[in-house]
C-alpha atoms as a PDB file:
ATOM      1  CA  MET A   1       2.663  69.228  40.754  1.00  0.00           C
ATOM      2  CA  PRO A   2       3.118  67.218  37.344  1.00  0.00           C
ATOM      3  CA  ARG A   3       1.380  68.527  34.552  1.00  0.00           C
ATOM      4  CA  MET A   4      -1.737  67.038  33.496  1.00  0.00           C
ATOM      5  CA  THR A   5      -2.564  65.723  30.319  1.00  0.00           C
ATOM      6  CA  PRO A   6      -5.795  67.970  28.516  1.00  0.00           C
ATOM      7  CA  ALA A   7      -7.484  64.995  26.947  1.00  0.00           C
ATOM      8  CA  VAL A   8      -7.196  62.482  29.675  1.00  0.00           C
ATOM      9  CA  LEU A   9      -8.425  65.333  32.044  1.00  0.00           C
ATOM     10  CA  ARG A  10     -11.645  65.808  29.529  1.00  0.00           C
ATOM     11  CA  SER A  11     -12.038  62.069  28.458  1.00  0.00           C
ATOM     12  CA  PHE A  12     -12.673  61.884  32.716  1.00  0.00           C
ATOM     13  CA  ASP A  13     -14.730  64.523  32.556  1.00  0.00           C
ATOM     14  CA  ILE A  14     -16.979  62.711  30.174  1.00  0.00           C
ATOM     15  CA  LEU A  15     -16.287  59.237  31.813  1.00  0.00           C
ATOM     16  CA  GLU A  16     -17.509  61.300  35.267  1.00  0.00           C
ATOM     17  CA  LEU A  17     -20.853  62.530  33.761  1.00  0.00           C
ATOM     18  CA  PHE A  18     -22.304  58.813  33.897  1.00  0.00           C
ATOM     19  CA  LEU A  19     -21.493  58.532  37.912  1.00  0.00           C
ATOM     20  CA  ALA A  20     -24.186  61.695  37.978  1.00  0.00           C
ATOM     21  CA  SER A  21     -26.614  59.801  35.682  1.00  0.00           C
ATOM     22  CA  PRO A  22     -25.893  56.391  34.782  1.00  0.00           C
ATOM     23  CA  ARG A  23     -28.778  56.869  31.859  1.00  0.00           C
ATOM     24  CA  ALA A  24     -27.423  57.004  27.865  1.00  0.00           C
ATOM     25  CA  LEU A  25     -26.148  60.735  26.663  1.00  0.00           C
ATOM     26  CA  SER A  26     -26.144  62.459  23.110  1.00  0.00           C
ATOM     27  CA  ALA A  27     -23.103  63.821  22.197  1.00  0.00           C
ATOM     28  CA  PRO A  28     -24.385  67.500  22.209  1.00  0.00           C
ATOM     29  CA  GLU A  29     -25.477  66.377  25.917  1.00  0.00           C
ATOM     30  CA  ILE A  30     -22.145  65.672  27.010  1.00  0.00           C
ATOM     31  CA  ALA A  31     -20.922  68.983  25.099  1.00  0.00           C
ATOM     32  CA  GLN A  32     -23.251  71.027  27.182  1.00  0.00           C
ATOM     33  CA  LEU A  33     -22.715  69.025  30.351  1.00  0.00           C
ATOM     34  CA  THR A  34     -18.797  69.674  29.965  1.00  0.00           C
ATOM     35  CA  GLY A  35     -18.798  72.764  28.285  1.00  0.00           C
ATOM     36  CA  LEU A  36     -16.099  71.342  25.528  1.00  0.00           C
ATOM     37  CA  PRO A  37     -16.287  72.242  22.028  1.00  0.00           C
ATOM     38  CA  ARG A  38     -18.657  69.688  20.461  1.00  0.00           C
ATOM     39  CA  THR A  39     -15.346  68.996  17.592  1.00  0.00           C
ATOM     40  CA  THR A  40     -13.668  67.552  21.061  1.00  0.00           C
ATOM     41  CA  VAL A  41     -15.850  65.390  22.438  1.00  0.00           C
ATOM     42  CA  PHE A  42     -16.732  63.856  19.300  1.00  0.00           C
ATOM     43  CA  GLU A  43     -13.157  62.897  19.003  1.00  0.00           C
ATOM     44  CA  LEU A  44     -13.054  62.119  22.314  1.00  0.00           C
ATOM     45  CA  LEU A  45     -16.296  59.870  22.349  1.00  0.00           C
ATOM     46  CA  ALA A  46     -14.434  57.925  19.083  1.00  0.00           C
ATOM     47  CA  THR A  47     -11.509  57.523  20.984  1.00  0.00           C
ATOM     48  CA  LEU A  48     -13.671  56.034  24.256  1.00  0.00           C
ATOM     49  CA  THR A  49     -15.624  54.188  21.897  1.00  0.00           C
ATOM     50  CA  SER A  50     -12.755  52.402  20.140  1.00  0.00           C
ATOM     51  CA  ARG A  51     -11.718  51.135  23.547  1.00  0.00           C
ATOM     52  CA  LYS A  52     -14.964  50.073  24.999  1.00  0.00           C
ATOM     53  CA  TYR A  53     -14.885  52.819  27.699  1.00  0.00           C
ATOM     54  CA  LEU A  54     -18.471  53.715  26.055  1.00  0.00           C
ATOM     55  CA  ASP A  55     -20.784  51.987  23.766  1.00  0.00           C
ATOM     56  CA  ARG A  56     -22.508  53.683  21.495  1.00  0.00           C
ATOM     57  CA  ASP A  57     -26.551  53.005  20.533  1.00  0.00           C
ATOM     58  CA  GLU A  58     -26.107  53.700  16.987  1.00  0.00           C
ATOM     59  CA  SER A  59     -29.757  53.694  16.892  1.00  0.00           C
ATOM     60  CA  ALA A  60     -30.127  56.516  19.331  1.00  0.00           C
ATOM     61  CA  GLY A  61     -26.925  57.659  18.569  1.00  0.00           C
ATOM     62  CA  ARG A  62     -26.236  57.922  22.698  1.00  0.00           C
ATOM     63  CA  TYR A  63     -23.425  56.905  24.747  1.00  0.00           C
ATOM     64  CA  ARG A  64     -23.052  55.200  27.785  1.00  0.00           C
ATOM     65  CA  LEU A  65     -20.833  53.079  29.925  1.00  0.00           C
ATOM     66  CA  GLY A  66     -18.551  50.195  27.720  1.00  0.00           C
ATOM     67  CA  VAL A  67     -17.503  47.335  29.288  1.00  0.00           C
ATOM     68  CA  ARG A  68     -14.063  48.114  29.688  1.00  0.00           C
ATOM     69  CA  VAL A  69     -14.843  50.070  32.774  1.00  0.00           C
ATOM     70  CA  PHE A  70     -16.965  47.315  34.318  1.00  0.00           C
ATOM     71  CA  GLN A  71     -13.565  45.379  34.326  1.00  0.00           C
ATOM     72  CA  LEU A  72     -11.400  47.841  35.783  1.00  0.00           C
ATOM     73  CA  GLY A  73     -14.112  48.357  38.592  1.00  0.00           C
ATOM     74  CA  ASN A  74     -14.163  44.644  39.099  1.00  0.00           C
ATOM     75  CA  VAL A  75     -10.296  44.562  38.933  1.00  0.00           C
ATOM     76  CA  PHE A  76     -10.068  47.315  41.418  1.00  0.00           C
ATOM     77  CA  ALA A  77     -12.898  45.666  43.973  1.00  0.00           C
ATOM     78  CA  ASP A  78     -10.838  42.171  43.475  1.00  0.00           C
ATOM     79  CA  GLY A  79      -8.094  44.153  44.869  1.00  0.00           C
ATOM     80  CA  MET A  80      -9.494  45.437  47.426  1.00  0.00           C
ATOM     81  CA  GLU A  81      -9.878  43.148  50.746  1.00  0.00           C
ATOM     82  CA  LEU A  82     -11.609  45.292  52.664  1.00  0.00           C
ATOM     83  CA  HIS A  83     -14.614  44.403  49.750  1.00  0.00           C
ATOM     84  CA  ARG A  84     -14.205  41.042  50.163  1.00  0.00           C
ATOM     85  CA  VAL A  85     -14.603  40.993  54.312  1.00  0.00           C
ATOM     86  CA  GLY A  86     -16.781  43.414  54.397  1.00  0.00           C
ATOM     87  CA  GLN A  87     -19.043  41.896  52.089  1.00  0.00           C
ATOM     88  CA  ARG A  88     -18.741  38.819  54.627  1.00  0.00           C
ATOM     89  CA  VAL A  89     -19.945  40.956  57.502  1.00  0.00           C
ATOM     90  CA  ALA A  90     -22.660  42.511  55.232  1.00  0.00           C
ATOM     91  CA  GLU A  91     -24.201  39.336  55.002  1.00  0.00           C
ATOM     92  CA  SER A  92     -23.566  37.945  58.348  1.00  0.00           C
ATOM     93  CA  VAL A  93     -25.367  41.262  60.077  1.00  0.00           C
ATOM     94  CA  ALA A  94     -28.090  41.140  57.636  1.00  0.00           C
ATOM     95  CA  ALA A  95     -28.907  37.495  58.685  1.00  0.00           C
ATOM     96  CA  ALA A  96     -28.900  38.990  62.064  1.00  0.00           C
ATOM     97  CA  CYS A  97     -31.133  41.547  61.725  1.00  0.00           C
ATOM     98  CA  ALA A  98     -33.316  41.156  58.364  1.00  0.00           C
ATOM     99  CA  GLU A  99     -31.874  44.539  57.286  1.00  0.00           C
ATOM    100  CA  THR A 100     -30.559  46.386  54.370  1.00  0.00           C
ATOM    101  CA  VAL A 101     -26.271  46.405  55.334  1.00  0.00           C
ATOM    102  CA  ASN A 102     -24.437  48.724  53.227  1.00  0.00           C
ATOM    103  CA  VAL A 103     -20.506  48.907  53.239  1.00  0.00           C
ATOM    104  CA  GLY A 104     -18.739  52.487  52.668  1.00  0.00           C
ATOM    105  CA  ILE A 105     -15.624  54.266  52.902  1.00  0.00           C
ATOM    106  CA  LEU A 106     -15.454  57.691  52.860  1.00  0.00           C
ATOM    107  CA  ASP A 107     -13.707  60.167  50.281  1.00  0.00           C
ATOM    108  CA  ASN A 108     -13.395  63.045  51.282  1.00  0.00           C
ATOM    109  CA  ALA A 109     -16.500  64.469  52.472  1.00  0.00           C
ATOM    110  CA  ASP A 110     -18.562  61.296  50.477  1.00  0.00           C
ATOM    111  CA  VAL A 111     -19.319  57.772  51.386  1.00  0.00           C
ATOM    112  CA  VAL A 112     -19.204  55.372  48.329  1.00  0.00           C
ATOM    113  CA  TYR A 113     -20.747  52.159  48.825  1.00  0.00           C
ATOM    114  CA  LEU A 114     -18.413  49.273  48.341  1.00  0.00           C
ATOM    115  CA  CYS A 115     -21.073  46.426  48.727  1.00  0.00           C
ATOM    116  CA  LYS A 116     -24.372  45.663  50.269  1.00  0.00           C
ATOM    117  CA  VAL A 117     -26.591  43.159  51.123  1.00  0.00           C
ATOM    118  CA  GLU A 118     -30.524  43.615  50.726  1.00  0.00           C
ATOM    119  CA  SER A 119     -33.059  43.306  53.722  1.00  0.00           C
ATOM    120  CA  THR A 120     -35.983  40.359  52.743  1.00  0.00           C
ATOM    121  CA  GLN A 121     -38.428  42.960  54.543  1.00  0.00           C
ATOM    122  CA  ALA A 122     -40.865  44.965  52.232  1.00  0.00           C
ATOM    123  CA  VAL A 123     -39.400  47.795  52.720  1.00  0.00           C
ATOM    124  CA  ARG A 124     -35.846  48.441  51.459  1.00  0.00           C
ATOM    125  CA  MET A 125     -33.040  51.411  51.670  1.00  0.00           C
ATOM    126  CA  VAL A 126     -32.630  52.167  48.329  1.00  0.00           C
ATOM    127  CA  SER A 127     -28.725  52.054  47.463  1.00  0.00           C
ATOM    128  CA  ARG A 128     -26.037  50.980  45.052  1.00  0.00           C
ATOM    129  CA  THR A 129     -23.036  49.276  45.211  1.00  0.00           C
ATOM    130  CA  GLY A 130     -20.297  52.378  43.890  1.00  0.00           C
ATOM    131  CA  GLY A 131     -23.020  55.019  44.915  1.00  0.00           C
ATOM    132  CA  ARG A 132     -22.233  57.835  46.189  1.00  0.00           C
ATOM    133  CA  LEU A 133     -23.505  60.218  48.850  1.00  0.00           C
ATOM    134  CA  PRO A 134     -22.415  62.842  51.079  1.00  0.00           C
ATOM    135  CA  ALA A 135     -21.736  61.657  54.486  1.00  0.00           C
ATOM    136  CA  SER A 136     -23.272  63.912  56.139  1.00  0.00           C
ATOM    137  CA  CYS A 137     -26.410  62.638  54.624  1.00  0.00           C
ATOM    138  CA  THR A 138     -26.280  59.108  55.104  1.00  0.00           C
ATOM    139  CA  ALA A 139     -26.221  56.571  58.134  1.00  0.00           C
ATOM    140  CA  VAL A 140     -22.825  54.772  56.879  1.00  0.00           C
ATOM    141  CA  GLY A 141     -21.613  58.782  56.490  1.00  0.00           C
ATOM    142  CA  LYS A 142     -22.192  59.570  60.205  1.00  0.00           C
ATOM    143  CA  ALA A 143     -20.677  56.995  61.280  1.00  0.00           C
ATOM    144  CA  LEU A 144     -17.427  56.687  59.572  1.00  0.00           C
ATOM    145  CA  LEU A 145     -17.045  60.774  60.042  1.00  0.00           C
ATOM    146  CA  ALA A 146     -17.768  60.221  64.108  1.00  0.00           C
ATOM    147  CA  HIS A 147     -14.922  58.182  64.263  1.00  0.00           C
ATOM    148  CA  LEU A 148     -12.521  60.255  62.351  1.00  0.00           C
ATOM    149  CA  PRO A 149      -9.570  61.565  64.205  1.00  0.00           C
ATOM    150  CA  ALA A 150     -10.241  65.458  64.752  1.00  0.00           C
ATOM    151  CA  ALA A 151      -7.582  66.854  62.508  1.00  0.00           C
ATOM    152  CA  GLN A 152      -9.177  64.364  59.533  1.00  0.00           C
ATOM    153  CA  LEU A 153     -12.258  65.814  60.436  1.00  0.00           C
ATOM    154  CA  GLY A 154     -11.980  69.510  60.869  1.00  0.00           C
ATOM    155  CA  GLN A 155     -10.475  69.399  57.097  1.00  0.00           C
ATOM    156  CA  ILE A 156     -13.455  67.847  55.678  1.00  0.00           C
ATOM    157  CA  LEU A 157     -15.673  70.220  57.630  1.00  0.00           C
ATOM    158  CA  GLU A 158     -13.102  73.031  56.324  1.00  0.00           C
ATOM    159  CA  ALA A 159     -13.023  71.752  52.812  1.00  0.00           C
ATOM    160  CA  ASP A 160     -15.654  73.231  50.119  1.00  0.00           C
ATOM    161  CA  GLY A 161     -17.958  75.169  53.219  1.00  0.00           C
ATOM    162  CA  GLY A 162     -18.625  72.145  55.029  1.00  0.00           C
ATOM    163  CA  LEU A 163     -20.842  69.323  54.846  1.00  0.00           C
ATOM    164  CA  PRO A 164     -23.761  69.536  52.639  1.00  0.00           C
ATOM    165  CA  ARG A 165     -27.513  69.289  53.434  1.00  0.00           C
ATOM    166  CA  LEU A 166     -29.584  67.735  51.543  1.00  0.00           C
ATOM    167  CA  THR A 167     -32.870  68.442  53.508  1.00  0.00           C
ATOM    168  CA  PRO A 168     -33.821  71.344  55.621  1.00  0.00           C
END
């Protein structure tokens, strides 16, 4: 395995905090959540902010994802034929059934939502494009797991103690 660059890994650790909680975070919160020394966190935050991967609210001293993350995500989505095709199919299915339609892909034992079309009904499913949930806890994820080759499903079931449950 090639050598990994510690500073880059730590920067990703900071950015990935916002996957679990999109709210703005202070530097001390980031240090606590990552377990990194405060001086390291401040240096990484300064770098990420200068490159616009994070924005700093000067009045509150909190950080949130910056515009460069949005730009990267859009470049990624634009390059995915699955996203374009999935959006068209989702719109067609949603028009036929008047329900929320999600299109997702498996990422190990998780489903990541690529696109979504909202229902016109008053009661709706809560999900978000780019959101990640355990595949075993969603209809989309269960459908994807059900159609995996046995060997690939076996690898997922053996990794990290199997599939998680969110409810009893």
